[in-house]
Amino acid sequence: IMMDKKLMIKIGMFDTKYFMYCEDIDLCYRLNQLGYSIYYVHNAKIYHEHQMVSDKKLFSKRTLIHFRSMIHFVLKHRYFYM
């Protein structure tokens, strides 16, 4: 994510209740709610060196953390349909 520092301060910085995952979705959602456009650069390339620790198991610790972050997002923004 690339944005101006003043804009980041205006929308409230990162929500520290996200341990991992979904903090980018939260930022983009808040920007969109304030009328800002979100752009995705599909041909950008980023090289990230890591240990490939993302689990492929359905009920791994990381998967559960991801679900917890998604639930926090849904409850925080009341983002559900009835």
N, C-alpha and C. Protein backbone atom coordinates (compact mmCIF):
# COMPACT_ATOMS: atom_id res chain seq x y z
N ILE A 1 0.86 -1.17 0.00
CA ILE A 1 0.00 0.00 0.00
C ILE A 1 0.90 1.23 0.00
N MET A 2 0.58 2.14 -0.88
CA MET A 2 1.30 3.41 -0.93
C MET A 2 0.29 4.53 -0.77
N MET A 3 0.54 5.42 0.19
CA MET A 3 -0.33 6.58 0.36
C MET A 3 0.44 7.69 1.07
N ASP A 4 -0.10 8.86 0.96
CA ASP A 4 0.49 10.03 1.60
C ASP A 4 0.38 9.91 3.12
N LYS A 5 1.42 10.32 3.81
CA LYS A 5 1.44 10.23 5.27
C LYS A 5 0.28 11.00 5.90
N LYS A 6 -0.03 12.18 5.37
CA LYS A 6 -1.13 12.99 5.92
C LYS A 6 -2.46 12.26 5.79
N LEU A 7 -2.64 11.56 4.68
CA LEU A 7 -3.88 10.80 4.49
C LEU A 7 -3.94 9.63 5.47
N MET A 8 -2.81 8.98 5.68
CA MET A 8 -2.75 7.87 6.64
C MET A 8 -3.13 8.34 8.04
N ILE A 9 -2.63 9.50 8.42
CA ILE A 9 -2.97 10.07 9.73
C ILE A 9 -4.45 10.43 9.78
N LYS A 10 -4.98 10.96 8.68
CA LYS A 10 -6.39 11.37 8.62
C LYS A 10 -7.34 10.19 8.81
N ILE A 11 -7.01 9.03 8.22
CA ILE A 11 -7.93 7.90 8.34
C ILE A 11 -7.73 7.10 9.63
N GLY A 12 -6.68 7.44 10.36
CA GLY A 12 -6.53 6.81 11.67
C GLY A 12 -5.47 5.75 11.80
N MET A 13 -4.55 5.67 10.89
CA MET A 13 -3.44 4.71 10.97
C MET A 13 -3.95 3.27 11.02
N PHE A 14 -3.08 2.34 11.37
CA PHE A 14 -3.45 0.93 11.45
C PHE A 14 -4.22 0.64 12.74
N ASP A 15 -5.16 -0.26 12.66
CA ASP A 15 -5.90 -0.72 13.83
C ASP A 15 -5.06 -1.77 14.52
N THR A 16 -4.64 -1.51 15.74
CA THR A 16 -3.75 -2.42 16.46
C THR A 16 -4.46 -3.69 16.94
N LYS A 17 -5.77 -3.76 16.77
CA LYS A 17 -6.49 -4.99 17.17
C LYS A 17 -6.30 -6.11 16.16
N TYR A 18 -5.76 -5.79 14.98
CA TYR A 18 -5.40 -6.84 14.03
C TYR A 18 -4.01 -7.31 14.38
N PHE A 19 -3.88 -8.58 14.75
CA PHE A 19 -2.57 -9.13 15.04
C PHE A 19 -1.81 -9.33 13.73
N MET A 20 -2.44 -9.99 12.80
CA MET A 20 -1.93 -10.20 11.45
C MET A 20 -3.15 -10.32 10.54
N TYR A 21 -2.96 -10.02 9.29
CA TYR A 21 -3.97 -10.22 8.26
C TYR A 21 -5.13 -9.21 8.38
N CYS A 22 -5.65 -8.81 7.25
CA CYS A 22 -6.83 -7.95 7.09
C CYS A 22 -6.62 -6.48 7.42
N GLU A 23 -5.44 -6.09 7.92
CA GLU A 23 -5.23 -4.68 8.19
C GLU A 23 -5.22 -3.86 6.90
N ASP A 24 -4.79 -4.45 5.79
CA ASP A 24 -4.81 -3.76 4.51
C ASP A 24 -6.25 -3.58 4.01
N ILE A 25 -7.07 -4.59 4.23
CA ILE A 25 -8.48 -4.50 3.85
C ILE A 25 -9.17 -3.41 4.65
N ASP A 26 -8.86 -3.34 5.94
CA ASP A 26 -9.43 -2.33 6.82
C ASP A 26 -9.05 -0.92 6.34
N LEU A 27 -7.78 -0.71 6.01
CA LEU A 27 -7.34 0.61 5.53
C LEU A 27 -8.06 0.99 4.24
N CYS A 28 -8.12 0.06 3.29
CA CYS A 28 -8.79 0.34 2.02
C CYS A 28 -10.28 0.61 2.21
N TYR A 29 -10.90 -0.14 3.09
CA TYR A 29 -12.33 0.07 3.36
C TYR A 29 -12.57 1.47 3.93
N ARG A 30 -11.74 1.87 4.90
CA ARG A 30 -11.90 3.21 5.50
C ARG A 30 -11.65 4.30 4.47
N LEU A 31 -10.67 4.13 3.61
CA LEU A 31 -10.41 5.10 2.55
C LEU A 31 -11.62 5.22 1.63
N ASN A 32 -12.16 4.08 1.25
CA ASN A 32 -13.33 4.05 0.36
C ASN A 32 -14.53 4.73 1.01
N GLN A 33 -14.72 4.53 2.30
CA GLN A 33 -15.83 5.15 3.01
C GLN A 33 -15.72 6.67 3.03
N LEU A 34 -14.49 7.18 2.96
CA LEU A 34 -14.28 8.63 2.92
C LEU A 34 -14.29 9.19 1.49
N GLY A 35 -14.57 8.32 0.52
CA GLY A 35 -14.68 8.77 -0.87
C GLY A 35 -13.41 8.68 -1.70
N TYR A 36 -12.35 8.12 -1.14
CA TYR A 36 -11.11 7.97 -1.89
C TYR A 36 -11.18 6.74 -2.77
N SER A 37 -10.51 6.79 -3.89
CA SER A 37 -10.45 5.65 -4.80
C SER A 37 -9.26 4.77 -4.43
N ILE A 38 -9.44 3.48 -4.63
CA ILE A 38 -8.39 2.50 -4.39
C ILE A 38 -7.97 1.96 -5.74
N TYR A 39 -6.69 1.94 -6.00
CA TYR A 39 -6.17 1.43 -7.26
C TYR A 39 -5.28 0.22 -7.01
N TYR A 40 -5.42 -0.75 -7.89
CA TYR A 40 -4.62 -1.96 -7.83
C TYR A 40 -3.73 -1.98 -9.07
N VAL A 41 -2.45 -2.09 -8.88
CA VAL A 41 -1.51 -2.12 -10.00
C VAL A 41 -1.18 -3.59 -10.27
N HIS A 42 -1.86 -4.17 -11.25
CA HIS A 42 -1.77 -5.60 -11.49
C HIS A 42 -0.40 -6.06 -12.02
N ASN A 43 0.33 -5.16 -12.64
CA ASN A 43 1.61 -5.59 -13.20
C ASN A 43 2.82 -5.20 -12.32
N ALA A 44 2.56 -4.73 -11.12
CA ALA A 44 3.65 -4.42 -10.19
C ALA A 44 4.26 -5.72 -9.69
N LYS A 45 5.56 -5.71 -9.50
CA LYS A 45 6.25 -6.91 -9.01
C LYS A 45 6.98 -6.56 -7.72
N ILE A 46 6.73 -7.36 -6.72
CA ILE A 46 7.39 -7.19 -5.43
C ILE A 46 8.02 -8.53 -5.07
N TYR A 47 9.25 -8.48 -4.67
CA TYR A 47 9.95 -9.69 -4.27
C TYR A 47 10.08 -9.69 -2.76
N HIS A 48 9.51 -10.71 -2.16
CA HIS A 48 9.49 -10.81 -0.71
C HIS A 48 10.19 -12.10 -0.31
N GLU A 49 11.31 -11.97 0.34
CA GLU A 49 12.02 -13.16 0.79
C GLU A 49 11.47 -13.58 2.15
N HIS A 50 11.07 -14.80 2.21
CA HIS A 50 10.52 -15.33 3.46
C HIS A 50 10.73 -16.83 3.49
N GLN A 51 10.26 -17.46 4.50
CA GLN A 51 10.49 -18.89 4.68
C GLN A 51 9.35 -19.75 4.17
N MET A 52 8.41 -19.17 3.47
CA MET A 52 7.27 -19.91 2.95
C MET A 52 6.54 -20.64 4.08
N VAL A 53 6.20 -19.91 5.14
CA VAL A 53 5.60 -20.53 6.32
C VAL A 53 4.08 -20.58 6.27
N SER A 54 3.48 -20.02 5.24
CA SER A 54 2.02 -20.06 5.16
C SER A 54 1.57 -21.51 5.07
N ASP A 55 0.75 -21.89 6.00
CA ASP A 55 0.27 -23.27 6.05
C ASP A 55 -0.80 -23.51 4.99
N LYS A 56 -0.83 -24.71 4.49
CA LYS A 56 -1.85 -25.11 3.53
C LYS A 56 -2.97 -25.89 4.22
N LYS A 57 -2.88 -26.08 5.51
CA LYS A 57 -3.89 -26.82 6.26
C LYS A 57 -5.09 -25.91 6.53
N LEU A 58 -6.26 -26.51 6.58
CA LEU A 58 -7.47 -25.74 6.82
C LEU A 58 -7.50 -25.16 8.24
N PHE A 59 -7.08 -25.90 9.23
CA PHE A 59 -7.16 -25.45 10.61
C PHE A 59 -5.78 -25.28 11.23
N SER A 60 -4.94 -24.53 10.56
CA SER A 60 -3.63 -24.23 11.13
C SER A 60 -3.76 -23.01 12.04
N LYS A 61 -2.72 -22.73 12.80
CA LYS A 61 -2.72 -21.56 13.68
C LYS A 61 -2.89 -20.28 12.86
N ARG A 62 -2.19 -20.18 11.74
CA ARG A 62 -2.28 -18.99 10.90
C ARG A 62 -3.67 -18.82 10.29
N THR A 63 -4.30 -19.92 9.92
CA THR A 63 -5.65 -19.86 9.38
C THR A 63 -6.62 -19.34 10.44
N LEU A 64 -6.47 -19.81 11.65
CA LEU A 64 -7.34 -19.34 12.74
C LEU A 64 -7.12 -17.86 13.03
N ILE A 65 -5.86 -17.40 12.97
CA ILE A 65 -5.57 -15.97 13.16
C ILE A 65 -6.22 -15.16 12.03
N HIS A 66 -6.16 -15.69 10.81
CA HIS A 66 -6.78 -15.01 9.67
C HIS A 66 -8.29 -14.89 9.87
N PHE A 67 -8.94 -15.98 10.26
CA PHE A 67 -10.38 -15.95 10.52
C PHE A 67 -10.71 -14.94 11.62
N ARG A 68 -9.90 -14.91 12.65
CA ARG A 68 -10.13 -13.96 13.76
C ARG A 68 -10.07 -12.52 13.24
N SER A 69 -9.10 -12.24 12.39
CA SER A 69 -8.98 -10.90 11.81
C SER A 69 -10.19 -10.57 10.93
N MET A 70 -10.65 -11.54 10.16
CA MET A 70 -11.84 -11.31 9.32
C MET A 70 -13.07 -11.03 10.17
N ILE A 71 -13.22 -11.76 11.26
CA ILE A 71 -14.36 -11.54 12.15
C ILE A 71 -14.27 -10.14 12.78
N HIS A 72 -13.07 -9.73 13.17
CA HIS A 72 -12.88 -8.38 13.71
C HIS A 72 -13.30 -7.32 12.69
N PHE A 73 -12.91 -7.51 11.43
CA PHE A 73 -13.28 -6.57 10.38
C PHE A 73 -14.80 -6.49 10.22
N VAL A 74 -15.45 -7.64 10.15
CA VAL A 74 -16.90 -7.70 9.96
C VAL A 74 -17.63 -7.02 11.11
N LEU A 75 -17.23 -7.30 12.33
CA LEU A 75 -17.88 -6.69 13.49
C LEU A 75 -17.57 -5.21 13.61
N LYS A 76 -16.35 -4.80 13.31
CA LYS A 76 -15.94 -3.41 13.42
C LYS A 76 -16.74 -2.53 12.46
N HIS A 77 -16.91 -3.01 11.23
CA HIS A 77 -17.58 -2.20 10.20
C HIS A 77 -19.04 -2.61 9.99
N ARG A 78 -19.51 -3.54 10.78
CA ARG A 78 -20.87 -4.07 10.61
C ARG A 78 -21.09 -4.45 9.15
N TYR A 79 -20.09 -5.18 8.62
CA TYR A 79 -20.05 -5.52 7.20
C TYR A 79 -20.67 -6.88 6.97
N PHE A 80 -22.00 -6.94 7.06
CA PHE A 80 -22.70 -8.17 6.77
C PHE A 80 -24.08 -7.84 6.24
N TYR A 81 -24.61 -8.75 5.52
CA TYR A 81 -25.92 -8.56 4.89
C TYR A 81 -26.93 -9.50 5.51
N MET A 82 -28.14 -9.00 5.64
CA MET A 82 -29.22 -9.83 6.19
C MET A 82 -30.30 -9.98 5.14
